[in-house]
């Protein structure tokens, strides 16, 4: 999918990797007036997402475990990381 943020409008439906998403609000994730979550990720992880389909895994302690780009499939490396965190919790 190659939609520029400037082209997105509230209420617009986009398709990304077989899933439909309705744009509810426009939030800045990389520059400008950053949404507080993405500002925290940038400050603590040094990770600036290209856009909001990037993934950030938060551990049970509330800290960032790892981050991935938008091209990483959730059912691959991310699922493995989640499974390892759950197993460590007992």
N, C-alpha and C. Protein backbone atom coordinates (compact mmCIF):
# COMPACT_ATOMS: atom_id res chain seq x y z
N UNK A 1 0.84 -1.17 0.00
CA UNK A 1 0.00 0.00 0.00
C UNK A 1 0.88 1.23 0.00
N UNK A 2 0.55 2.16 -0.83
CA UNK A 2 1.36 3.38 -0.87
C UNK A 2 0.45 4.60 -0.85
N UNK A 3 -0.03 4.91 0.33
CA UNK A 3 -0.87 6.09 0.53
C UNK A 3 -0.07 7.08 1.36
N UNK A 4 0.01 8.29 0.88
CA UNK A 4 0.70 9.33 1.65
C UNK A 4 -0.22 9.82 2.75
N UNK A 5 0.38 10.14 3.89
CA UNK A 5 -0.41 10.61 5.03
C UNK A 5 -1.26 11.82 4.65
N UNK A 6 -0.72 12.67 3.79
CA UNK A 6 -1.46 13.86 3.39
C UNK A 6 -2.71 13.52 2.57
N UNK A 7 -2.78 12.30 2.05
CA UNK A 7 -3.93 11.88 1.25
C UNK A 7 -5.03 11.25 2.11
N UNK A 8 -4.73 10.92 3.36
CA UNK A 8 -5.71 10.25 4.22
C UNK A 8 -6.71 11.25 4.78
N UNK A 9 -7.95 10.79 4.88
CA UNK A 9 -9.02 11.62 5.43
C UNK A 9 -9.79 10.81 6.47
N UNK A 10 -10.32 11.47 7.48
CA UNK A 10 -11.15 10.81 8.48
C UNK A 10 -12.32 10.12 7.78
N UNK A 11 -12.61 8.90 8.22
CA UNK A 11 -13.71 8.14 7.65
C UNK A 11 -13.32 7.32 6.43
N UNK A 12 -12.14 7.56 5.88
CA UNK A 12 -11.67 6.82 4.72
C UNK A 12 -11.37 5.38 5.11
N UNK A 13 -11.67 4.43 4.24
CA UNK A 13 -11.36 3.03 4.48
C UNK A 13 -10.17 2.67 3.61
N UNK A 14 -9.16 2.05 4.24
CA UNK A 14 -7.99 1.59 3.49
C UNK A 14 -7.84 0.09 3.71
N UNK A 15 -7.20 -0.56 2.77
CA UNK A 15 -6.93 -1.99 2.85
C UNK A 15 -5.43 -2.17 3.00
N UNK A 16 -5.03 -2.90 4.04
CA UNK A 16 -3.61 -3.15 4.29
C UNK A 16 -3.45 -4.62 4.64
N UNK A 17 -2.73 -5.34 3.82
CA UNK A 17 -2.46 -6.77 4.03
C UNK A 17 -3.73 -7.56 4.31
N UNK A 18 -4.76 -7.29 3.53
CA UNK A 18 -6.00 -8.05 3.62
C UNK A 18 -6.96 -7.60 4.70
N UNK A 19 -6.63 -6.55 5.43
CA UNK A 19 -7.50 -6.06 6.50
C UNK A 19 -7.96 -4.65 6.17
N UNK A 20 -9.25 -4.40 6.38
CA UNK A 20 -9.83 -3.08 6.16
C UNK A 20 -9.72 -2.24 7.43
N UNK A 21 -9.26 -1.01 7.29
CA UNK A 21 -9.14 -0.09 8.40
C UNK A 21 -9.89 1.20 8.05
N UNK A 22 -10.65 1.70 9.00
CA UNK A 22 -11.31 2.98 8.82
C UNK A 22 -10.51 4.03 9.58
N UNK A 23 -10.13 5.08 8.89
CA UNK A 23 -9.36 6.16 9.51
C UNK A 23 -10.28 6.92 10.46
N UNK A 24 -9.97 6.87 11.74
CA UNK A 24 -10.78 7.55 12.76
C UNK A 24 -10.22 8.92 13.09
N UNK A 25 -8.91 9.04 13.07
CA UNK A 25 -8.27 10.30 13.38
C UNK A 25 -6.88 10.28 12.75
N UNK A 26 -6.35 11.43 12.47
CA UNK A 26 -5.01 11.54 11.90
C UNK A 26 -4.06 11.90 13.04
N UNK A 27 -3.05 11.04 13.27
CA UNK A 27 -2.06 11.27 14.32
C UNK A 27 -0.67 11.29 13.69
N UNK A 28 0.18 12.16 14.19
CA UNK A 28 1.56 12.23 13.70
C UNK A 28 2.40 11.18 14.43
N UNK A 29 3.16 10.39 13.66
CA UNK A 29 3.96 9.33 14.26
C UNK A 29 5.45 9.51 14.07
N UNK A 30 5.86 10.38 13.14
CA UNK A 30 7.28 10.49 12.83
C UNK A 30 7.85 11.89 13.01
N UNK A 31 7.06 12.90 12.74
CA UNK A 31 7.57 14.27 12.87
C UNK A 31 6.40 15.21 13.13
N UNK A 32 6.75 16.40 13.56
CA UNK A 32 5.72 17.38 13.87
C UNK A 32 5.18 17.18 15.28
N UNK A 33 3.91 17.42 15.46
CA UNK A 33 3.25 17.29 16.76
C UNK A 33 2.94 15.82 17.01
N UNK A 34 3.93 15.09 17.54
CA UNK A 34 3.81 13.63 17.70
C UNK A 34 2.74 13.25 18.71
N UNK A 35 2.04 12.17 18.40
CA UNK A 35 1.14 11.57 19.37
C UNK A 35 2.01 11.16 20.56
N UNK A 36 1.52 11.30 21.81
CA UNK A 36 2.36 11.00 22.98
C UNK A 36 2.98 9.60 22.97
N UNK A 37 2.27 8.60 22.48
CA UNK A 37 2.83 7.25 22.43
C UNK A 37 4.07 7.21 21.55
N UNK A 38 3.97 7.79 20.35
CA UNK A 38 5.11 7.75 19.43
C UNK A 38 6.26 8.63 19.91
N UNK A 39 5.96 9.71 20.62
CA UNK A 39 7.02 10.53 21.22
C UNK A 39 7.77 9.71 22.26
N UNK A 40 7.03 8.93 23.07
CA UNK A 40 7.65 8.07 24.09
C UNK A 40 8.50 6.99 23.44
N UNK A 41 8.00 6.37 22.38
CA UNK A 41 8.78 5.33 21.67
C UNK A 41 10.07 5.93 21.12
N UNK A 42 9.97 7.10 20.53
CA UNK A 42 11.16 7.75 19.97
C UNK A 42 12.16 8.07 21.07
N UNK A 43 11.67 8.58 22.20
CA UNK A 43 12.55 8.97 23.31
C UNK A 43 13.21 7.76 23.97
N UNK A 44 12.46 6.69 24.19
CA UNK A 44 13.00 5.54 24.93
C UNK A 44 13.70 4.52 24.06
N UNK A 45 13.26 4.37 22.82
CA UNK A 45 13.78 3.33 21.93
C UNK A 45 14.64 3.91 20.82
N UNK A 46 14.48 5.20 20.55
CA UNK A 46 15.17 5.78 19.40
C UNK A 46 14.55 5.33 18.10
N UNK A 47 13.32 4.83 18.16
CA UNK A 47 12.62 4.30 17.00
C UNK A 47 11.60 5.30 16.50
N UNK A 48 11.76 5.72 15.26
CA UNK A 48 10.80 6.61 14.63
C UNK A 48 10.13 5.84 13.51
N UNK A 49 8.85 5.53 13.66
CA UNK A 49 8.16 4.75 12.65
C UNK A 49 7.98 5.53 11.36
N UNK A 50 7.96 4.78 10.26
CA UNK A 50 7.65 5.40 8.99
C UNK A 50 6.18 5.80 8.93
N UNK A 51 5.36 5.00 9.58
CA UNK A 51 3.94 5.30 9.74
C UNK A 51 3.38 4.37 10.78
N UNK A 52 2.09 4.46 11.08
CA UNK A 52 1.55 3.75 12.24
C UNK A 52 1.32 2.26 12.05
N UNK A 53 1.68 1.67 10.92
CA UNK A 53 1.63 0.22 10.79
C UNK A 53 2.94 -0.43 11.24
N UNK A 54 3.88 0.38 11.73
CA UNK A 54 5.05 -0.17 12.40
C UNK A 54 4.56 -0.81 13.69
N UNK A 55 5.32 -1.76 14.20
CA UNK A 55 4.88 -2.48 15.39
C UNK A 55 5.84 -2.23 16.54
N UNK A 56 5.27 -2.08 17.74
CA UNK A 56 6.05 -1.89 18.96
C UNK A 56 5.49 -2.85 19.99
N UNK A 57 6.35 -3.73 20.51
CA UNK A 57 5.93 -4.69 21.52
C UNK A 57 6.28 -4.15 22.90
N UNK A 58 5.27 -4.05 23.75
CA UNK A 58 5.43 -3.58 25.12
C UNK A 58 5.38 -4.80 26.03
N UNK A 59 6.38 -4.96 26.88
CA UNK A 59 6.44 -6.10 27.79
C UNK A 59 5.56 -5.92 29.01
N UNK A 60 5.44 -6.96 29.82
CA UNK A 60 4.61 -6.92 31.02
C UNK A 60 5.01 -5.81 32.00
N UNK A 61 6.27 -5.39 31.93
CA UNK A 61 6.74 -4.33 32.83
C UNK A 61 6.49 -2.92 32.27
N UNK A 62 5.83 -2.85 31.12
CA UNK A 62 5.52 -1.56 30.52
C UNK A 62 6.64 -0.98 29.69
N UNK A 63 7.72 -1.71 29.54
CA UNK A 63 8.87 -1.24 28.76
C UNK A 63 8.83 -1.81 27.34
N UNK A 64 9.46 -1.11 26.43
CA UNK A 64 9.51 -1.57 25.04
C UNK A 64 10.45 -2.76 24.95
N UNK A 65 9.95 -3.85 24.37
CA UNK A 65 10.74 -5.05 24.17
C UNK A 65 11.47 -4.97 22.83
N UNK A 66 10.72 -4.60 21.79
CA UNK A 66 11.30 -4.55 20.45
C UNK A 66 10.35 -3.79 19.54
N UNK A 67 10.88 -3.30 18.43
CA UNK A 67 10.06 -2.62 17.43
C UNK A 67 10.38 -3.17 16.05
N UNK A 68 9.40 -3.10 15.17
CA UNK A 68 9.54 -3.63 13.82
C UNK A 68 8.95 -2.64 12.82
N UNK A 69 9.44 -2.71 11.60
CA UNK A 69 8.91 -1.89 10.52
C UNK A 69 7.55 -2.38 10.05
N UNK A 70 6.93 -1.60 9.17
CA UNK A 70 5.58 -1.92 8.70
C UNK A 70 5.53 -3.17 7.84
N UNK A 71 6.66 -3.60 7.29
CA UNK A 71 6.67 -4.77 6.41
C UNK A 71 6.77 -6.10 7.16
N UNK A 72 6.95 -6.08 8.46
CA UNK A 72 7.07 -7.31 9.25
C UNK A 72 5.68 -7.85 9.55
N UNK A 73 5.48 -9.14 9.28
CA UNK A 73 4.20 -9.80 9.52
C UNK A 73 4.04 -10.16 10.99
N UNK A 74 2.91 -9.83 11.60
CA UNK A 74 2.71 -10.12 13.02
C UNK A 74 2.80 -11.61 13.38
N UNK A 75 2.44 -12.50 12.50
CA UNK A 75 2.42 -13.92 12.84
C UNK A 75 3.79 -14.59 12.69
N UNK A 76 4.82 -13.84 12.41
CA UNK A 76 6.16 -14.39 12.31
C UNK A 76 6.98 -14.10 13.55
N UNK A 77 7.99 -13.27 13.38
CA UNK A 77 8.92 -12.94 14.46
C UNK A 77 8.22 -12.30 15.65
N UNK A 78 7.19 -11.52 15.40
CA UNK A 78 6.51 -10.84 16.50
C UNK A 78 5.78 -11.86 17.37
N UNK A 79 5.07 -12.79 16.75
CA UNK A 79 4.37 -13.83 17.51
C UNK A 79 5.37 -14.64 18.33
N UNK A 80 6.50 -14.97 17.74
CA UNK A 80 7.53 -15.72 18.46
C UNK A 80 8.00 -14.96 19.70
N UNK A 81 8.18 -13.66 19.56
CA UNK A 81 8.62 -12.83 20.69
C UNK A 81 7.54 -12.79 21.78
N UNK A 82 6.29 -12.67 21.37
CA UNK A 82 5.18 -12.67 22.33
C UNK A 82 5.09 -14.01 23.05
N UNK A 83 5.21 -15.10 22.29
CA UNK A 83 5.17 -16.44 22.89
C UNK A 83 6.28 -16.60 23.94
N UNK A 84 7.47 -16.09 23.64
CA UNK A 84 8.59 -16.18 24.59
C UNK A 84 8.30 -15.37 25.85
N UNK A 85 7.71 -14.20 25.70
CA UNK A 85 7.35 -13.38 26.86
C UNK A 85 6.30 -14.07 27.72
N UNK A 86 5.30 -14.66 27.09
CA UNK A 86 4.26 -15.38 27.83
C UNK A 86 4.82 -16.59 28.55
N UNK A 87 5.72 -17.32 27.89
CA UNK A 87 6.32 -18.50 28.52
C UNK A 87 7.16 -18.10 29.74
N UNK A 88 7.83 -16.97 29.65
CA UNK A 88 8.66 -16.50 30.76
C UNK A 88 7.79 -16.08 31.96
N UNK A 89 6.55 -15.70 31.70
CA UNK A 89 5.63 -15.30 32.77
C UNK A 89 5.10 -16.50 33.55
N UNK A 90 5.21 -17.68 32.93
CA UNK A 90 4.78 -18.91 33.60
C UNK A 90 3.35 -19.12 33.40
